[in-house]
Amino acid sequence: MLTKTVRSRFSHEIGEKVEGCTILEKRVVIPPNEAERRRGVYDYEVEVPPAPMVEKPRSSRAAAATRPHAPATPDSFTRATPEEQGSGVIRRIPSR
């Protein structure tokens, strides 16, 4: 069982859920003070559910490296056409 500590300004009870985890233990760090209208601060020891094993999506860099039209060597280079570059013109404003 994997656990972690969660600090909160809200009072919860053992067995409730905080941040998607079940509360196992509750500790009062700063007690609430009704005269000053101040909330308390609580530490909760919670059980962390196991993370699902999901395959990570490939980054765009890794995907670009495996494309069939990628250059065979780092020395070869083909310039992109305006259609491949996208639309629009970049205008540079001169400095003053």
PDB file of N, CA and C in Angstrom:
ATOM      1  N   MET A   1       0.861  -1.184   0.000  1.00  0.00           N
ATOM      2  CA  MET A   1       0.000   0.000   0.000  1.00  0.00           C
ATOM      3  C   MET A   1       0.900   1.238   0.000  1.00  0.00           C
ATOM      4  N   LEU A   2       0.613   2.152  -0.915  1.00  0.00           N
ATOM      5  CA  LEU A   2       1.373   3.386  -1.053  1.00  0.00           C
ATOM      6  C   LEU A   2       0.608   4.512  -0.365  1.00  0.00           C
ATOM      7  N   THR A   3       1.303   5.284   0.476  1.00  0.00           N
ATOM      8  CA  THR A   3       0.644   6.380   1.194  1.00  0.00           C
ATOM      9  C   THR A   3       1.399   7.677   0.951  1.00  0.00           C
ATOM     10  N   LYS A   4       0.697   8.785   1.209  1.00  0.00           N
ATOM     11  CA  LYS A   4       1.322  10.102   1.156  1.00  0.00           C
ATOM     12  C   LYS A   4       0.596  10.994   2.151  1.00  0.00           C
ATOM     13  N   THR A   5       1.191  12.141   2.467  1.00  0.00           N
ATOM     14  CA  THR A   5       0.597  13.106   3.387  1.00  0.00           C
ATOM     15  C   THR A   5       0.038  14.272   2.592  1.00  0.00           C
ATOM     16  N   VAL A   6      -1.209  14.637   2.917  1.00  0.00           N
ATOM     17  CA  VAL A   6      -1.870  15.764   2.269  1.00  0.00           C
ATOM     18  C   VAL A   6      -2.215  16.775   3.343  1.00  0.00           C
ATOM     19  N   ARG A   7      -1.836  18.037   3.144  1.00  0.00           N
ATOM     20  CA  ARG A   7      -2.166  19.106   4.088  1.00  0.00           C
ATOM     21  C   ARG A   7      -3.375  19.868   3.564  1.00  0.00           C
ATOM     22  N   SER A   8      -4.323  20.154   4.465  1.00  0.00           N
ATOM     23  CA  SER A   8      -5.554  20.806   4.043  1.00  0.00           C
ATOM     24  C   SER A   8      -6.035  21.763   5.121  1.00  0.00           C
ATOM     25  N   ARG A   9      -6.777  22.796   4.691  1.00  0.00           N
ATOM     26  CA  ARG A   9      -7.406  23.739   5.628  1.00  0.00           C
ATOM     27  C   ARG A   9      -8.822  23.292   5.966  1.00  0.00           C
ATOM     28  N   PHE A  10      -9.274  22.193   5.391  1.00  0.00           N
ATOM     29  CA  PHE A  10     -10.630  21.715   5.614  1.00  0.00           C
ATOM     30  C   PHE A  10     -10.611  20.464   6.480  1.00  0.00           C
ATOM     31  N   SER A  11     -11.605  20.359   7.356  1.00  0.00           N
ATOM     32  CA  SER A  11     -11.702  19.225   8.260  1.00  0.00           C
ATOM     33  C   SER A  11     -12.458  18.086   7.588  1.00  0.00           C
ATOM     34  N   HIS A  12     -11.800  16.933   7.459  1.00  0.00           N
ATOM     35  CA  HIS A  12     -12.408  15.719   6.922  1.00  0.00           C
ATOM     36  C   HIS A  12     -12.257  14.625   7.969  1.00  0.00           C
ATOM     37  N   GLU A  13     -12.983  13.549   7.796  1.00  0.00           N
ATOM     38  CA  GLU A  13     -12.914  12.433   8.732  1.00  0.00           C
ATOM     39  C   GLU A  13     -12.252  11.232   8.061  1.00  0.00           C
ATOM     40  N   ILE A  14     -11.763  10.309   8.874  1.00  0.00           N
ATOM     41  CA  ILE A  14     -11.121   9.094   8.381  1.00  0.00           C
ATOM     42  C   ILE A  14     -12.128   8.318   7.539  1.00  0.00           C
ATOM     43  N   GLY A  15     -11.667   7.851   6.382  1.00  0.00           N
ATOM     44  CA  GLY A  15     -12.524   7.113   5.458  1.00  0.00           C
ATOM     45  C   GLY A  15     -13.037   7.965   4.311  1.00  0.00           C
ATOM     46  N   GLU A  16     -13.023   9.288   4.472  1.00  0.00           N
ATOM     47  CA  GLU A  16     -13.454  10.174   3.390  1.00  0.00           C
ATOM     48  C   GLU A  16     -12.365  10.243   2.328  1.00  0.00           C
ATOM     49  N   LYS A  17     -12.691  10.874   1.217  1.00  0.00           N
ATOM     50  CA  LYS A  17     -11.740  11.028   0.106  1.00  0.00           C
ATOM     51  C   LYS A  17     -11.209  12.457   0.069  1.00  0.00           C
ATOM     52  N   VAL A  18      -9.899  12.579  -0.116  1.00  0.00           N
ATOM     53  CA  VAL A  18      -9.230  13.868  -0.305  1.00  0.00           C
ATOM     54  C   VAL A  18      -8.316  13.695  -1.509  1.00  0.00           C
ATOM     55  N   GLU A  19      -8.466  14.562  -2.517  1.00  0.00           N
ATOM     56  CA  GLU A  19      -7.663  14.509  -3.737  1.00  0.00           C
ATOM     57  C   GLU A  19      -7.707  13.121  -4.370  1.00  0.00           C
ATOM     58  N   GLY A  20      -8.838  12.457  -4.291  1.00  0.00           N
ATOM     59  CA  GLY A  20      -9.003  11.142  -4.894  1.00  0.00           C
ATOM     60  C   GLY A  20      -8.391  10.004  -4.097  1.00  0.00           C
ATOM     61  N   CYS A  21      -7.922  10.273  -2.868  1.00  0.00           N
ATOM     62  CA  CYS A  21      -7.291   9.257  -2.028  1.00  0.00           C
ATOM     63  C   CYS A  21      -8.101   9.087  -0.743  1.00  0.00           C
ATOM     64  N   THR A  22      -8.082   7.893  -0.164  1.00  0.00           N
ATOM     65  CA  THR A  22      -8.833   7.600   1.053  1.00  0.00           C
ATOM     66  C   THR A  22      -8.013   7.973   2.286  1.00  0.00           C
ATOM     67  N   ILE A  23      -8.630   8.702   3.228  1.00  0.00           N
ATOM     68  CA  ILE A  23      -7.955   9.142   4.446  1.00  0.00           C
ATOM     69  C   ILE A  23      -7.785   7.953   5.391  1.00  0.00           C
ATOM     70  N   LEU A  24      -6.548   7.735   5.853  1.00  0.00           N
ATOM     71  CA  LEU A  24      -6.245   6.681   6.807  1.00  0.00           C
ATOM     72  C   LEU A  24      -6.023   7.241   8.210  1.00  0.00           C
ATOM     73  N   GLU A  25      -5.465   8.455   8.282  1.00  0.00           N
ATOM     74  CA  GLU A  25      -5.111   9.054   9.573  1.00  0.00           C
ATOM     75  C   GLU A  25      -5.234  10.562   9.472  1.00  0.00           C
ATOM     76  N   LYS A  26      -5.655  11.208  10.585  1.00  0.00           N
ATOM     77  CA  LYS A  26      -5.842  12.658  10.610  1.00  0.00           C
ATOM     78  C   LYS A  26      -5.033  13.239  11.777  1.00  0.00           C
ATOM     79  N   ARG A  27      -4.262  14.300  11.515  1.00  0.00           N
ATOM     80  CA  ARG A  27      -3.513  15.009  12.551  1.00  0.00           C
ATOM     81  C   ARG A  27      -3.836  16.498  12.456  1.00  0.00           C
ATOM     82  N   VAL A  28      -4.028  17.140  13.605  1.00  0.00           N
ATOM     83  CA  VAL A  28      -4.289  18.579  13.651  1.00  0.00           C
ATOM     84  C   VAL A  28      -2.939  19.282  13.754  1.00  0.00           C
ATOM     85  N   VAL A  29      -2.612  20.116  12.772  1.00  0.00           N
ATOM     86  CA  VAL A  29      -1.364  20.878  12.774  1.00  0.00           C
ATOM     87  C   VAL A  29      -1.591  22.189  13.515  1.00  0.00           C
ATOM     88  N   ILE A  30      -2.644  22.923  13.161  1.00  0.00           N
ATOM     89  CA  ILE A  30      -3.036  24.162  13.845  1.00  0.00           C
ATOM     90  C   ILE A  30      -4.529  24.037  14.148  1.00  0.00           C
ATOM     91  N   PRO A  31      -4.904  24.066  15.421  1.00  0.00           N
ATOM     92  CA  PRO A  31      -6.330  23.928  15.735  1.00  0.00           C
ATOM     93  C   PRO A  31      -7.120  25.157  15.271  1.00  0.00           C
ATOM     94  N   PRO A  32      -8.395  24.963  14.923  1.00  0.00           N
ATOM     95  CA  PRO A  32      -9.213  26.106  14.518  1.00  0.00           C
ATOM     96  C   PRO A  32      -9.484  27.017  15.713  1.00  0.00           C
ATOM     97  N   ASN A  33      -9.649  28.326  15.453  1.00  0.00           N
ATOM     98  CA  ASN A  33      -9.920  29.296  16.508  1.00  0.00           C
ATOM     99  C   ASN A  33     -11.173  30.064  16.091  1.00  0.00           C
ATOM    100  N   GLU A  34     -12.297  29.717  16.700  1.00  0.00           N
ATOM    101  CA  GLU A  34     -13.571  30.346  16.350  1.00  0.00           C
ATOM    102  C   GLU A  34     -13.590  31.834  16.701  1.00  0.00           C
ATOM    103  N   ALA A  35     -12.908  32.245  17.786  1.00  0.00           N
ATOM    104  CA  ALA A  35     -12.896  33.649  18.202  1.00  0.00           C
ATOM    105  C   ALA A  35     -12.254  34.526  17.121  1.00  0.00           C
ATOM    106  N   GLU A  36     -11.223  34.022  16.465  1.00  0.00           N
ATOM    107  CA  GLU A  36     -10.540  34.771  15.401  1.00  0.00           C
ATOM    108  C   GLU A  36     -11.074  34.408  14.017  1.00  0.00           C
ATOM    109  N   ARG A  37     -12.086  33.527  13.965  1.00  0.00           N
ATOM    110  CA  ARG A  37     -12.670  33.043  12.714  1.00  0.00           C
ATOM    111  C   ARG A  37     -11.586  32.469  11.799  1.00  0.00           C
ATOM    112  N   ARG A  38     -10.706  31.661  12.405  1.00  0.00           N
ATOM    113  CA  ARG A  38      -9.592  31.064  11.674  1.00  0.00           C
ATOM    114  C   ARG A  38      -9.812  29.564  11.552  1.00  0.00           C
ATOM    115  N   ARG A  39      -9.642  29.060  10.361  1.00  0.00           N
ATOM    116  CA  ARG A  39      -9.740  27.627  10.145  1.00  0.00           C
ATOM    117  C   ARG A  39      -8.504  26.928  10.678  1.00  0.00           C
ATOM    118  N   GLY A  40      -8.642  25.654  10.911  1.00  0.00           N
ATOM    119  CA  GLY A  40      -7.497  24.856  11.329  1.00  0.00           C
ATOM    120  C   GLY A  40      -6.724  24.366  10.114  1.00  0.00           C
ATOM    121  N   VAL A  41      -5.581  23.754  10.391  1.00  0.00           N
ATOM    122  CA  VAL A  41      -4.768  23.137   9.352  1.00  0.00           C
ATOM    123  C   VAL A  41      -4.600  21.683   9.753  1.00  0.00           C
ATOM    124  N   TYR A  42      -4.837  20.786   8.799  1.00  0.00           N
ATOM    125  CA  TYR A  42      -4.834  19.363   9.086  1.00  0.00           C
ATOM    126  C   TYR A  42      -3.894  18.634   8.127  1.00  0.00           C
ATOM    127  N   ASP A  43      -3.214  17.608   8.653  1.00  0.00           N
ATOM    128  CA  ASP A  43      -2.427  16.694   7.827  1.00  0.00           C
ATOM    129  C   ASP A  43      -3.191  15.386   7.756  1.00  0.00           C
ATOM    130  N   TYR A  44      -3.341  14.864   6.550  1.00  0.00           N
ATOM    131  CA  TYR A  44      -4.021  13.591   6.351  1.00  0.00           C
ATOM    132  C   TYR A  44      -3.047  12.597   5.735  1.00  0.00           C
ATOM    133  N   GLU A  45      -2.932  11.430   6.355  1.00  0.00           N
ATOM    134  CA  GLU A  45      -2.188  10.322   5.762  1.00  0.00           C
ATOM    135  C   GLU A  45      -3.197   9.580   4.894  1.00  0.00           C
ATOM    136  N   VAL A  46      -2.959   9.520   3.592  1.00  0.00           N
ATOM    137  CA  VAL A  46      -3.935   8.951   2.666  1.00  0.00           C
ATOM    138  C   VAL A  46      -3.329   7.787   1.897  1.00  0.00           C
ATOM    139  N   GLU A  47      -4.208   6.879   1.495  1.00  0.00           N
ATOM    140  CA  GLU A  47      -3.806   5.739   0.676  1.00  0.00           C
ATOM    141  C   GLU A  47      -3.927   6.148  -0.785  1.00  0.00           C
ATOM    142  N   VAL A  48      -2.838   6.006  -1.518  1.00  0.00           N
ATOM    143  CA  VAL A  48      -2.806   6.401  -2.923  1.00  0.00           C
ATOM    144  C   VAL A  48      -3.220   5.194  -3.761  1.00  0.00           C
ATOM    145  N   PRO A  49      -4.226   5.361  -4.628  1.00  0.00           N
ATOM    146  CA  PRO A  49      -4.609   4.235  -5.485  1.00  0.00           C
ATOM    147  C   PRO A  49      -3.503   3.960  -6.504  1.00  0.00           C
ATOM    148  N   PRO A  50      -3.352   2.710  -6.921  1.00  0.00           N
ATOM    149  CA  PRO A  50      -2.307   2.406  -7.910  1.00  0.00           C
ATOM    150  C   PRO A  50      -2.593   3.106  -9.227  1.00  0.00           C
ATOM    151  N   ALA A  51      -1.541   3.638  -9.827  1.00  0.00           N
ATOM    152  CA  ALA A  51      -1.681   4.352 -11.094  1.00  0.00           C
ATOM    153  C   ALA A  51      -1.855   3.346 -12.216  1.00  0.00           C
ATOM    154  N   PRO A  52      -2.781   3.594 -13.138  1.00  0.00           N
ATOM    155  CA  PRO A  52      -2.960   2.667 -14.262  1.00  0.00           C
ATOM    156  C   PRO A  52      -1.741   2.725 -15.180  1.00  0.00           C
ATOM    157  N   MET A  53      -1.356   1.578 -15.690  1.00  0.00           N
ATOM    158  CA  MET A  53      -0.215   1.517 -16.598  1.00  0.00           C
ATOM    159  C   MET A  53      -0.694   1.891 -17.994  1.00  0.00           C
ATOM    160  N   VAL A  54      -0.388   3.107 -18.403  1.00  0.00           N
ATOM    161  CA  VAL A  54      -0.799   3.617 -19.701  1.00  0.00           C
ATOM    162  C   VAL A  54       0.453   3.926 -20.494  1.00  0.00           C
ATOM    163  N   GLU A  55       0.444   3.514 -21.765  1.00  0.00           N
ATOM    164  CA  GLU A  55       1.591   3.815 -22.610  1.00  0.00           C
ATOM    165  C   GLU A  55       1.630   5.313 -22.872  1.00  0.00           C
ATOM    166  N   LYS A  56       2.795   5.891 -22.681  1.00  0.00           N
ATOM    167  CA  LYS A  56       2.940   7.332 -22.880  1.00  0.00           C
ATOM    168  C   LYS A  56       2.887   7.654 -24.365  1.00  0.00           C
ATOM    169  N   PRO A  57       2.211   8.740 -24.741  1.00  0.00           N
ATOM    170  CA  PRO A  57       2.228   9.131 -26.153  1.00  0.00           C
ATOM    171  C   PRO A  57       3.620   9.587 -26.543  1.00  0.00           C
ATOM    172  N   ARG A  58       3.976   9.305 -27.774  1.00  0.00           N
ATOM    173  CA  ARG A  58       5.301   9.686 -28.243  1.00  0.00           C
ATOM    174  C   ARG A  58       5.372  11.188 -28.430  1.00  0.00           C
ATOM    175  N   SER A  59       6.519  11.736 -28.128  1.00  0.00           N
ATOM    176  CA  SER A  59       6.692  13.175 -28.319  1.00  0.00           C
ATOM    177  C   SER A  59       6.760  13.484 -29.807  1.00  0.00           C
ATOM    178  N   SER A  60       6.499  14.716 -30.175  1.00  0.00           N
ATOM    179  CA  SER A  60       6.521  15.102 -31.583  1.00  0.00           C
ATOM    180  C   SER A  60       7.929  14.972 -32.156  1.00  0.00           C
ATOM    181  N   ARG A  61       8.936  15.165 -31.325  1.00  0.00           N
ATOM    182  CA  ARG A  61      10.311  15.020 -31.784  1.00  0.00           C
ATOM    183  C   ARG A  61      10.607  13.571 -32.156  1.00  0.00           C
ATOM    184  N   ALA A  62      10.176  12.646 -31.286  1.00  0.00           N
ATOM    185  CA  ALA A  62      10.400  11.233 -31.563  1.00  0.00           C
ATOM    186  C   ALA A  62       9.599  10.792 -32.776  1.00  0.00           C
ATOM    187  N   ALA A  63       8.394  11.297 -32.917  1.00  0.00           N
ATOM    188  CA  ALA A  63       7.560  10.947 -34.069  1.00  0.00           C
ATOM    189  C   ALA A  63       8.184  11.501 -35.350  1.00  0.00           C
ATOM    190  N   ALA A  64       8.738  12.695 -35.304  1.00  0.00           N
ATOM    191  CA  ALA A  64       9.352  13.295 -36.486  1.00  0.00           C
ATOM    192  C   ALA A  64      10.604  12.530 -36.896  1.00  0.00           C
ATOM    193  N   ALA A  65      11.312  11.975 -35.940  1.00  0.00           N
ATOM    194  CA  ALA A  65      12.543  11.256 -36.240  1.00  0.00           C
ATOM    195  C   ALA A  65      12.258   9.939 -36.952  1.00  0.00           C
ATOM    196  N   THR A  66      11.069   9.372 -36.762  1.00  0.00           N
ATOM    197  CA  THR A  66      10.761   8.088 -37.376  1.00  0.00           C
ATOM    198  C   THR A  66       9.925   8.216 -38.636  1.00  0.00           C
ATOM    199  N   ARG A  67       9.653   9.399 -39.111  1.00  0.00           N
ATOM    200  CA  ARG A  67       8.883   9.586 -40.339  1.00  0.00           C
ATOM    201  C   ARG A  67       9.683   9.068 -41.532  1.00  0.00           C
ATOM    202  N   PRO A  68       9.006   8.493 -42.525  1.00  0.00           N
ATOM    203  CA  PRO A  68       9.733   7.946 -43.677  1.00  0.00           C
ATOM    204  C   PRO A  68      10.412   9.003 -44.534  1.00  0.00           C
ATOM    205  N   HIS A  69       9.917  10.240 -44.556  1.00  0.00           N
ATOM    206  CA  HIS A  69      10.522  11.276 -45.386  1.00  0.00           C
ATOM    207  C   HIS A  69      11.603  12.080 -44.656  1.00  0.00           C
ATOM    208  N   ALA A  70      12.015  11.605 -43.482  1.00  0.00           N
ATOM    209  CA  ALA A  70      13.073  12.295 -42.745  1.00  0.00           C
ATOM    210  C   ALA A  70      14.390  12.125 -43.500  1.00  0.00           C
ATOM    211  N   PRO A  71      15.289  13.106 -43.449  1.00  0.00           N
ATOM    212  CA  PRO A  71      16.564  13.001 -44.153  1.00  0.00           C
ATOM    213  C   PRO A  71      17.355  11.788 -43.669  1.00  0.00           C
ATOM    214  N   ALA A  72      18.056  11.149 -44.584  1.00  0.00           N
ATOM    215  CA  ALA A  72      18.818   9.955 -44.254  1.00  0.00           C
ATOM    216  C   ALA A  72      20.031  10.298 -43.389  1.00  0.00           C
ATOM    217  N   THR A  73      20.664  11.440 -43.656  1.00  0.00           N
ATOM    218  CA  THR A  73      21.840  11.838 -42.884  1.00  0.00           C
ATOM    219  C   THR A  73      21.651  13.266 -42.401  1.00  0.00           C
ATOM    220  N   PRO A  74      22.368  13.659 -41.362  1.00  0.00           N
ATOM    221  CA  PRO A  74      22.242  15.044 -40.882  1.00  0.00           C
ATOM    222  C   PRO A  74      22.738  16.071 -41.904  1.00  0.00           C
ATOM    223  N   ASP A  75      23.597  15.658 -42.855  1.00  0.00           N
ATOM    224  CA  ASP A  75      24.138  16.603 -43.834  1.00  0.00           C
ATOM    225  C   ASP A  75      23.150  16.923 -44.948  1.00  0.00           C
ATOM    226  N   SER A  76      22.207  16.004 -45.220  1.00  0.00           N
ATOM    227  CA  SER A  76      21.256  16.261 -46.302  1.00  0.00           C
ATOM    228  C   SER A  76      20.132  17.151 -45.805  1.00  0.00           C
ATOM    229  N   PHE A  77      19.670  18.051 -46.668  1.00  0.00           N
ATOM    230  CA  PHE A  77      18.648  19.004 -46.260  1.00  0.00           C
ATOM    231  C   PHE A  77      17.809  19.380 -47.466  1.00  0.00           C
ATOM    232  N   THR A  78      16.489  19.400 -47.284  1.00  0.00           N
ATOM    233  CA  THR A  78      15.582  19.842 -48.333  1.00  0.00           C
ATOM    234  C   THR A  78      14.768  20.997 -47.775  1.00  0.00           C
ATOM    235  N   ARG A  79      14.736  22.088 -48.515  1.00  0.00           N
ATOM    236  CA  ARG A  79      14.014  23.259 -48.054  1.00  0.00           C
ATOM    237  C   ARG A  79      12.512  23.046 -48.207  1.00  0.00           C
ATOM    238  N   ALA A  80      11.736  23.504 -47.226  1.00  0.00           N
ATOM    239  CA  ALA A  80      10.285  23.356 -47.252  1.00  0.00           C
ATOM    240  C   ALA A  80       9.671  24.362 -48.210  1.00  0.00           C
ATOM    241  N   THR A  81       8.606  23.936 -48.874  1.00  0.00           N
ATOM    242  CA  THR A  81       7.879  24.832 -49.764  1.00  0.00           C
ATOM    243  C   THR A  81       6.983  25.733 -48.915  1.00  0.00           C
ATOM    244  N   PRO A  82       6.485  26.853 -49.478  1.00  0.00           N
ATOM    245  CA  PRO A  82       5.599  27.731 -48.705  1.00  0.00           C
ATOM    246  C   PRO A  82       4.359  27.004 -48.188  1.00  0.00           C
ATOM    247  N   GLU A  83       3.850  26.012 -48.973  1.00  0.00           N
ATOM    248  CA  GLU A  83       2.680  25.252 -48.512  1.00  0.00           C
ATOM    249  C   GLU A  83       3.016  24.439 -47.266  1.00  0.00           C
ATOM    250  N   GLU A  84       4.239  23.883 -47.213  1.00  0.00           N
ATOM    251  CA  GLU A  84       4.660  23.089 -46.057  1.00  0.00           C
ATOM    252  C   GLU A  84       4.938  23.971 -44.841  1.00  0.00           C
ATOM    253  N   GLN A  85       5.392  25.207 -45.084  1.00  0.00           N
ATOM    254  CA  GLN A  85       5.719  26.109 -43.981  1.00  0.00           C
ATOM    255  C   GLN A  85       4.481  26.648 -43.290  1.00  0.00           C
ATOM    256  N   GLY A  86       3.368  26.720 -43.983  1.00  0.00           N
ATOM    257  CA  GLY A  86       2.164  27.285 -43.400  1.00  0.00           C
ATOM    258  C   GLY A  86       1.874  28.639 -44.004  1.00  0.00           C
ATOM    259  N   SER A  87       0.726  29.183 -43.668  1.00  0.00           N
ATOM    260  CA  SER A  87       0.317  30.453 -44.245  1.00  0.00           C
ATOM    261  C   SER A  87       0.818  31.629 -43.417  1.00  0.00           C
ATOM    262  N   GLY A  88       0.775  32.805 -44.021  1.00  0.00           N
ATOM    263  CA  GLY A  88       1.141  34.030 -43.306  1.00  0.00           C
ATOM    264  C   GLY A  88       2.541  34.487 -43.624  1.00  0.00           C
ATOM    265  N   VAL A  89       2.738  35.744 -43.438  1.00  0.00           N
ATOM    266  CA  VAL A  89       4.029  36.364 -43.680  1.00  0.00           C
ATOM    267  C   VAL A  89       4.509  36.940 -42.366  1.00  0.00           C
ATOM    268  N   ILE A  90       5.750  36.703 -42.034  1.00  0.00           N
ATOM    269  CA  ILE A  90       6.319  37.277 -40.812  1.00  0.00           C
ATOM    270  C   ILE A  90       7.003  38.584 -41.183  1.00  0.00           C
ATOM    271  N   ARG A  91       6.552  39.662 -40.593  1.00  0.00           N
ATOM    272  CA  ARG A  91       7.170  40.969 -40.869  1.00  0.00           C
ATOM    273  C   ARG A  91       7.961  41.382 -39.634  1.00  0.00           C
ATOM    274  N   ARG A  92       9.132  41.847 -39.865  1.00  0.00           N
ATOM    275  CA  ARG A  92       9.966  42.310 -38.786  1.00  0.00           C
ATOM    276  C   ARG A  92       9.870  43.820 -38.669  1.00  0.00           C
ATOM    277  N   ILE A  93       9.667  44.320 -37.463  1.00  0.00           N
ATOM    278  CA  ILE A  93       9.582  45.752 -37.229  1.00  0.00           C
ATOM    279  C   ILE A  93      10.983  46.252 -36.872  1.00  0.00           C
ATOM    280  N   PRO A  94      11.464  47.265 -37.591  1.00  0.00           N
ATOM    281  CA  PRO A  94      12.826  47.747 -37.291  1.00  0.00           C
ATOM    282  C   PRO A  94      12.892  48.362 -35.891  1.00  0.00           C
ATOM    283  N   SER A  95      14.052  48.238 -35.290  1.00  0.00           N
ATOM    284  CA  SER A  95      14.230  48.829 -33.955  1.00  0.00           C
ATOM    285  C   SER A  95      14.335  50.341 -34.078  1.00  0.00           C
ATOM    286  N   ARG A  96      14.019  51.036 -33.042  1.00  0.00           N
ATOM    287  CA  ARG A  96      14.028  52.509 -33.083  1.00  0.00           C
ATOM    288  C   ARG A  96      15.328  53.078 -32.615  1.00  0.00           C
TER     289      ARG A  96
END
